[in-house]
Amino acid sequence: MRCSLRSLVAAFAVVLALFAVAPAFAQQPSSVNPTASSVQERQLMDALRAGTPGTGTTLHGRITIPDANASNLIQPQGQAWRSVHQGLMHWIGAIAILGMLAVLVLFYLIRGRINIEHGLSGIRILRFSTFERMIHWMVAGCFIILGLSGLNVTVGKILLLPLIGEDAFAAMSQWAKYAHNYLAWPFMLGLACMFLVWIVHNIPSRLDLDWIRRGGGLVGSDHPPARKFNAGQKGIFWAVMIGGAALSVSGIYLLFPFASGGVLAMQFWNIVHGIAGVLLIAVILAHVYIGTVGMEGASEAMTTGEVDLNWAKEHHSLWVAEEVAKGTMHPHAAGQPAE
């Protein structure tokens, strides 16, 4: 009897509990939307345009960790950077590089190859030492790989990805990244050596103005006097030094982002790196043209190190006179007519 009474009390308590929680169950929705109360992107953008007090140009949230950058929800400058990197950079690169190629082709069709006017003399004169040629080719070799791997970052997805497929493009881009990061160091070392070795020959002078006024031998058959480097070569030198310095400084900040000063600084140095890169590629294309198919006898200066005497007297007559004065060349050989 006592056991039945206990069972009856327990059942009654369960019924009362069910009646108590029934209204709560009745209030629950049939489906749950976990993002119903979350902040949407449009709300964030509206708050940004409205200029939420205390946020400045970046929309911030609340955080509980020490890293203040983690509170950044929207950074408008990032959208501007993406627009430049994925839009304007393509146009700058196309105009600089393709434009330079078009100019060189047109120049070759009109001017043709610049030949040695009096032909080869058979007498050789040392123009660049082994060390000078070594640093030149170290910088040149690194720059070719750096330029190609850098262009891959900018236009690789547009030009290469559709041709070679995703797997090959991903593998190639990974190795290109390694090459770009590590070859930057010998490139910068070579630039420093170039500056120290050749700066004395590349100081601008009034002689350069006369060389430019007379067309530098590129236009017509006039050959204005020049020392070891003429005005055109000095222009290449300073373009490489200034452009290389911009690439080096910006590249170091990109390799070590925590030293750059934040996300905005990183975006700035990224743009500097890209623009300096494509402009320097365009300049080097002109340099390669003149040093190979554009001018007879020029390529030997950086291969064997020696050039023909007639070539030297036509393009660098004052330098030949300096070599004779230093005793590095016999006066009788230098005095022979260029014929």
Protein backbone atom coordinates (compact mmCIF):
# COMPACT_ATOMS: atom_id res chain seq x y z
CA MET A 1 0.00 0.00 0.00
CA ARG A 2 2.76 2.34 0.97
CA CYS A 3 4.68 1.51 -2.27
CA SER A 4 1.63 2.29 -4.43
CA LEU A 5 1.25 5.64 -2.71
CA ARG A 6 4.85 6.53 -3.51
CA SER A 7 4.40 5.60 -7.18
CA LEU A 8 1.30 7.74 -7.40
CA VAL A 9 3.10 10.78 -5.91
CA ALA A 10 6.01 10.36 -8.31
CA ALA A 11 3.74 10.16 -11.35
CA PHE A 12 1.85 13.25 -10.20
CA ALA A 13 5.18 15.15 -9.86
CA VAL A 14 6.20 14.21 -13.40
CA VAL A 15 2.89 15.47 -14.78
CA LEU A 16 3.28 18.78 -12.97
CA ALA A 17 6.83 19.16 -14.37
CA LEU A 18 5.59 18.57 -17.90
CA PHE A 19 2.92 21.22 -17.54
CA ALA A 20 5.51 23.66 -16.20
CA VAL A 21 7.90 23.36 -19.17
CA ALA A 22 5.25 23.07 -21.89
CA PRO A 23 5.01 26.87 -22.53
CA ALA A 24 8.78 27.05 -23.00
CA PHE A 25 8.69 24.31 -25.66
CA ALA A 26 5.78 26.02 -27.36
CA GLN A 27 7.84 29.22 -27.76
CA GLN A 28 10.72 27.52 -29.64
CA PRO A 29 10.80 28.14 -33.45
CA SER A 30 10.42 25.24 -35.82
CA SER A 31 13.82 26.10 -37.43
CA VAL A 32 16.93 27.86 -36.12
CA ASN A 33 18.96 30.47 -38.08
CA PRO A 34 22.39 30.73 -36.38
CA THR A 35 23.23 33.99 -38.22
CA ALA A 36 19.92 35.73 -37.62
CA SER A 37 21.39 38.09 -35.03
CA SER A 38 24.91 38.35 -36.53
CA VAL A 39 26.27 41.48 -38.14
CA GLN A 40 26.07 41.38 -41.93
CA GLU A 41 28.66 42.82 -44.33
CA ARG A 42 26.25 45.55 -45.46
CA GLN A 43 25.88 46.72 -41.87
CA LEU A 44 29.66 46.90 -41.51
CA MET A 45 30.04 48.90 -44.70
CA ASP A 46 27.21 51.25 -43.66
CA ALA A 47 28.91 51.80 -40.33
CA LEU A 48 32.19 52.49 -42.10
CA ARG A 49 30.63 55.04 -44.44
CA ALA A 50 28.82 56.65 -41.55
CA GLY A 51 32.12 57.21 -39.79
CA THR A 52 31.58 55.36 -36.55
CA PRO A 53 33.13 57.51 -33.78
CA GLY A 54 36.55 56.37 -32.72
CA THR A 55 37.12 53.98 -35.61
CA GLY A 56 39.06 56.26 -37.97
CA THR A 57 39.34 54.84 -41.47
CA THR A 58 39.22 51.21 -40.32
CA LEU A 59 36.20 49.51 -38.77
CA HIS A 60 37.15 47.86 -35.48
CA GLY A 61 35.53 45.23 -33.31
CA ARG A 62 36.02 44.25 -29.66
CA ILE A 63 38.75 41.79 -28.76
CA THR A 64 40.18 40.29 -25.56
CA ILE A 65 43.67 39.45 -26.85
CA PRO A 66 46.73 41.76 -26.81
CA ASP A 67 47.09 42.01 -30.61
CA ALA A 68 45.30 45.25 -31.53
CA ASN A 69 45.40 44.40 -35.25
CA ALA A 70 43.04 41.50 -34.60
CA SER A 71 40.24 44.02 -33.95
CA ASN A 72 40.29 45.26 -37.57
CA LEU A 73 37.08 44.13 -39.27
CA ILE A 74 37.29 46.16 -42.49
CA GLN A 75 40.24 48.08 -43.91
CA PRO A 76 39.15 50.14 -46.94
CA GLN A 77 42.77 50.63 -48.03
CA GLY A 78 42.94 46.89 -48.65
CA GLN A 79 40.24 47.20 -51.28
CA ALA A 80 42.15 50.03 -52.94
CA TRP A 81 45.34 47.97 -52.88
CA ARG A 82 43.57 44.99 -54.44
CA SER A 83 42.22 47.24 -57.17
CA VAL A 84 45.73 48.51 -57.95
CA HIS A 85 47.37 45.09 -57.75
CA GLN A 86 44.79 43.29 -59.87
CA GLY A 87 43.99 46.13 -62.26
CA LEU A 88 46.32 49.11 -62.57
CA MET A 89 49.46 46.97 -62.20
CA HIS A 90 48.45 44.93 -65.24
CA TRP A 91 48.16 48.10 -67.33
CA ILE A 92 51.45 49.54 -66.08
CA GLY A 93 53.24 46.28 -66.85
CA ALA A 94 51.66 45.92 -70.28
CA ILE A 95 52.42 49.51 -71.30
CA ALA A 96 56.00 49.43 -69.99
CA ILE A 97 57.09 46.00 -71.20
CA LEU A 98 55.03 45.51 -74.37
CA GLY A 99 55.47 49.19 -75.23
CA MET A 100 59.26 48.90 -74.95
CA LEU A 101 59.27 45.77 -77.13
CA ALA A 102 57.20 47.59 -79.76
CA VAL A 103 59.56 50.58 -79.72
CA LEU A 104 62.63 48.33 -80.10
CA VAL A 105 61.11 46.43 -83.01
CA LEU A 106 60.18 49.70 -84.72
CA PHE A 107 63.65 51.14 -84.07
CA TYR A 108 65.29 48.05 -85.59
CA LEU A 109 63.07 48.20 -88.67
CA ILE A 110 63.90 51.89 -89.21
CA ARG A 111 67.52 52.14 -88.05
CA GLY A 112 68.69 48.59 -88.49
CA ARG A 113 71.75 47.23 -86.77
CA ILE A 114 74.43 49.74 -85.82
CA ASN A 115 77.53 48.38 -87.52
CA ILE A 116 81.18 49.31 -87.01
CA GLU A 117 81.58 52.03 -89.61
CA HIS A 118 85.16 51.16 -90.63
CA GLY A 119 84.89 47.43 -90.03
CA LEU A 120 86.90 45.25 -87.66
CA SER A 121 90.50 46.28 -87.09
CA GLY A 122 91.70 42.97 -85.68
CA ILE A 123 93.14 44.76 -82.64
CA ARG A 124 91.56 43.97 -79.29
CA ILE A 125 91.35 46.20 -76.23
CA LEU A 126 90.32 45.07 -72.75
CA ARG A 127 87.11 46.77 -71.73
CA PHE A 128 85.88 44.83 -68.67
CA SER A 129 87.88 42.69 -66.25
CA THR A 130 86.88 39.20 -65.15
CA PHE A 131 85.53 40.56 -61.86
CA GLU A 132 83.43 43.20 -63.64
CA ARG A 133 81.96 40.59 -65.96
CA MET A 134 81.31 38.24 -63.06
CA ILE A 135 79.25 40.74 -61.08
CA HIS A 136 77.43 41.80 -64.25
CA TRP A 137 76.33 38.25 -65.04
CA MET A 138 75.49 37.49 -61.42
CA VAL A 139 73.12 40.46 -61.34
CA ALA A 140 71.80 39.70 -64.83
CA GLY A 141 71.14 36.02 -64.09
CA CYS A 142 69.39 36.79 -60.80
CA PHE A 143 67.34 39.56 -62.39
CA ILE A 144 66.04 37.29 -65.16
CA ILE A 145 64.71 34.77 -62.64
CA LEU A 146 63.48 37.48 -60.28
CA GLY A 147 61.71 39.27 -63.13
CA LEU A 148 60.01 36.15 -64.47
CA SER A 149 58.94 34.93 -61.03
CA GLY A 150 57.70 38.41 -60.16
CA LEU A 151 55.66 38.65 -63.36
CA ASN A 152 54.17 35.28 -62.47
CA VAL A 153 52.75 36.81 -59.29
CA THR A 154 51.17 39.64 -61.26
CA VAL A 155 49.90 37.98 -64.44
CA GLY A 156 50.61 34.28 -63.98
CA LYS A 157 47.00 33.39 -63.20
CA ILE A 158 45.88 35.15 -66.36
CA LEU A 159 48.54 33.93 -68.82
CA LEU A 160 49.98 30.66 -67.50
CA LEU A 161 47.26 29.01 -65.44
CA PRO A 162 44.91 28.38 -68.40
CA LEU A 163 47.82 26.94 -70.44
CA ILE A 164 49.50 24.54 -67.99
CA GLY A 165 46.71 23.73 -65.54
CA GLU A 166 46.27 24.22 -61.81
CA ASP A 167 48.64 21.51 -60.55
CA ALA A 168 51.58 22.52 -62.75
CA PHE A 169 50.97 26.21 -62.07
CA ALA A 170 50.87 25.64 -58.30
CA ALA A 171 54.12 23.64 -58.32
CA MET A 172 55.87 26.13 -60.59
CA SER A 173 54.70 29.10 -58.51
CA GLN A 174 55.94 27.46 -55.31
CA TRP A 175 59.46 26.98 -56.71
CA ALA A 176 59.35 30.45 -58.26
CA LYS A 177 58.60 31.85 -54.79
CA TYR A 178 61.63 30.08 -53.31
CA ALA A 179 63.85 31.31 -56.15
CA HIS A 180 62.54 34.87 -55.80
CA ASN A 181 63.17 34.97 -52.06
CA TYR A 182 66.67 33.48 -52.10
CA LEU A 183 68.08 35.02 -55.30
CA ALA A 184 67.19 38.47 -53.99
CA TRP A 185 70.32 38.37 -51.80
CA PRO A 186 72.99 37.78 -54.50
CA PHE A 187 71.12 40.32 -56.64
CA MET A 188 71.47 42.97 -53.94
CA LEU A 189 75.11 42.03 -53.34
CA GLY A 190 75.84 42.38 -57.06
CA LEU A 191 74.16 45.78 -57.16
CA ALA A 192 76.36 47.00 -54.32
CA CYS A 193 79.49 45.75 -56.12
CA MET A 194 78.38 47.39 -59.38
CA PHE A 195 77.88 50.69 -57.61
CA LEU A 196 81.32 50.63 -55.99
CA VAL A 197 83.15 49.55 -59.15
CA TRP A 198 81.41 51.74 -61.75
CA ILE A 199 80.20 54.82 -59.91
CA VAL A 200 83.41 56.69 -60.79
CA HIS A 201 82.67 56.25 -64.52
CA ASN A 202 78.98 57.21 -64.28
CA ILE A 203 79.05 60.71 -62.84
CA PRO A 204 77.03 62.94 -65.22
CA SER A 205 79.01 65.64 -67.04
CA ARG A 206 78.56 68.27 -69.75
CA LEU A 207 79.96 65.75 -72.22
CA ASP A 208 76.76 63.75 -71.77
CA LEU A 209 74.63 66.68 -72.91
CA ASP A 210 76.59 66.87 -76.17
CA TRP A 211 76.24 63.09 -76.60
CA ILE A 212 72.46 63.36 -76.21
CA ARG A 213 72.23 66.39 -78.50
CA ARG A 214 74.06 64.54 -81.28
CA GLY A 215 71.98 61.37 -80.93
CA GLY A 216 74.73 59.26 -79.43
CA GLY A 217 75.43 57.41 -82.64
CA LEU A 218 71.99 55.85 -82.49
CA VAL A 219 70.63 58.35 -84.99
CA GLY A 220 72.65 58.93 -88.14
CA SER A 221 76.36 58.14 -88.42
CA ASP A 222 77.66 60.73 -85.97
CA HIS A 223 79.79 59.31 -83.14
CA PRO A 224 80.12 61.86 -80.33
CA PRO A 225 83.14 61.38 -78.04
CA ALA A 226 82.63 59.51 -74.80
CA ARG A 227 84.65 58.08 -71.96
CA LYS A 228 84.21 54.54 -70.64
CA PHE A 229 80.45 55.00 -70.33
CA ASN A 230 78.43 57.33 -72.55
CA ALA A 231 75.25 59.13 -71.55
CA GLY A 232 73.03 56.23 -72.62
CA GLN A 233 74.99 53.74 -70.56
CA LYS A 234 74.99 56.11 -67.62
CA GLY A 235 71.21 56.28 -67.89
CA ILE A 236 71.04 52.49 -67.73
CA PHE A 237 73.41 52.46 -64.75
CA TRP A 238 71.36 54.92 -62.72
CA ALA A 239 68.09 53.24 -63.68
CA VAL A 240 69.48 49.95 -62.40
CA MET A 241 70.83 51.54 -59.22
CA ILE A 242 67.67 53.49 -58.37
CA GLY A 243 65.29 50.77 -59.49
CA GLY A 244 67.40 48.11 -57.80
CA ALA A 245 67.44 50.10 -54.56
CA ALA A 246 63.64 50.44 -54.66
CA LEU A 247 63.30 46.70 -55.30
CA SER A 248 65.77 45.88 -52.53
CA VAL A 249 64.22 48.06 -49.81
CA SER A 250 60.65 47.09 -50.65
CA GLY A 251 61.64 43.43 -51.04
CA ILE A 252 63.24 43.32 -47.59
CA TYR A 253 60.09 44.74 -46.03
CA LEU A 254 58.01 42.14 -47.89
CA LEU A 255 60.30 39.35 -46.69
CA PHE A 256 60.12 40.62 -43.10
CA PRO A 257 56.57 42.05 -42.81
CA PHE A 258 56.72 42.73 -39.07
CA ALA A 259 59.46 45.29 -39.73
CA SER A 260 57.44 47.19 -42.35
CA GLY A 261 55.19 49.02 -39.89
CA GLY A 262 51.81 47.37 -40.37
CA VAL A 263 49.38 46.32 -43.07
CA LEU A 264 49.19 49.75 -44.73
CA ALA A 265 52.98 49.89 -45.04
CA MET A 266 53.01 46.37 -46.49
CA GLN A 267 50.50 47.39 -49.15
CA PHE A 268 52.58 50.46 -50.00
CA TRP A 269 55.83 48.50 -50.35
CA ASN A 270 54.07 45.86 -52.41
CA ILE A 271 52.99 48.48 -54.94
CA VAL A 272 56.47 50.07 -54.97
CA HIS A 273 58.02 46.63 -55.56
CA GLY A 274 55.68 45.83 -58.44
CA ILE A 275 55.97 49.16 -60.26
CA ALA A 276 59.77 49.34 -59.85
CA GLY A 277 60.01 45.77 -61.14
CA VAL A 278 58.08 46.22 -64.39
CA LEU A 279 59.74 49.57 -65.16
CA LEU A 280 63.21 48.10 -64.63
CA ILE A 281 62.33 45.12 -66.85
CA ALA A 282 61.44 47.58 -69.63
CA VAL A 283 64.77 49.42 -69.20
CA ILE A 284 66.74 46.18 -69.24
CA LEU A 285 65.04 45.10 -72.47
CA ALA A 286 66.51 48.20 -74.16
CA HIS A 287 69.90 47.43 -72.61
CA VAL A 288 69.82 43.84 -73.88
CA TYR A 289 68.80 44.97 -77.35
CA ILE A 290 71.71 47.41 -77.74
CA GLY A 291 74.14 44.91 -76.25
CA THR A 292 73.18 42.11 -78.66
CA VAL A 293 71.38 42.45 -81.99
CA GLY A 294 71.24 46.24 -81.93
CA MET A 295 74.95 47.01 -82.18
CA GLU A 296 77.81 45.14 -83.81
CA GLY A 297 80.68 44.28 -81.47
CA ALA A 298 78.91 45.33 -78.25
CA SER A 299 78.21 41.85 -76.87
CA GLU A 300 81.92 40.98 -76.72
CA ALA A 301 82.43 43.53 -73.96
CA MET A 302 80.59 41.29 -71.48
CA THR A 303 81.56 37.90 -72.94
CA THR A 304 85.27 37.91 -73.66
CA GLY A 305 85.84 41.28 -72.01
CA GLU A 306 87.65 42.61 -75.07
CA VAL A 307 86.28 44.78 -77.87
CA ASP A 308 87.57 45.67 -81.30
CA LEU A 309 89.64 48.84 -81.42
CA ASN A 310 87.51 50.40 -84.17
CA TRP A 311 84.37 49.81 -82.12
CA ALA A 312 86.01 51.42 -79.09
CA LYS A 313 87.26 54.44 -81.07
CA GLU A 314 83.85 55.04 -82.64
CA HIS A 315 81.82 54.80 -79.43
CA HIS A 316 84.33 55.62 -76.67
CA SER A 317 87.15 57.60 -78.24
CA LEU A 318 88.06 59.49 -75.06
CA TRP A 319 88.26 56.23 -73.12
CA VAL A 320 90.70 54.83 -75.71
CA ALA A 321 92.86 57.94 -75.24
CA GLU A 322 92.77 57.43 -71.47
CA GLU A 323 93.88 53.80 -71.85
CA VAL A 324 96.81 54.92 -74.01
CA ALA A 325 97.75 57.56 -71.43
CA LYS A 326 97.73 54.94 -68.67
CA GLY A 327 100.00 52.71 -70.72
CA THR A 328 97.54 49.83 -71.00
CA MET A 329 97.67 50.06 -74.80
CA HIS A 330 100.52 50.81 -77.19
CA PRO A 331 100.18 54.32 -78.72
CA HIS A 332 101.04 52.97 -82.19
CA ALA A 333 98.12 50.53 -82.10
CA ALA A 334 95.71 53.16 -80.81
CA GLY A 335 96.87 55.63 -83.42
CA GLN A 336 96.07 53.37 -86.35
CA PRO A 337 93.24 54.65 -88.49
CA ALA A 338 89.85 53.05 -87.87
CA GLU A 339 89.66 51.28 -91.17
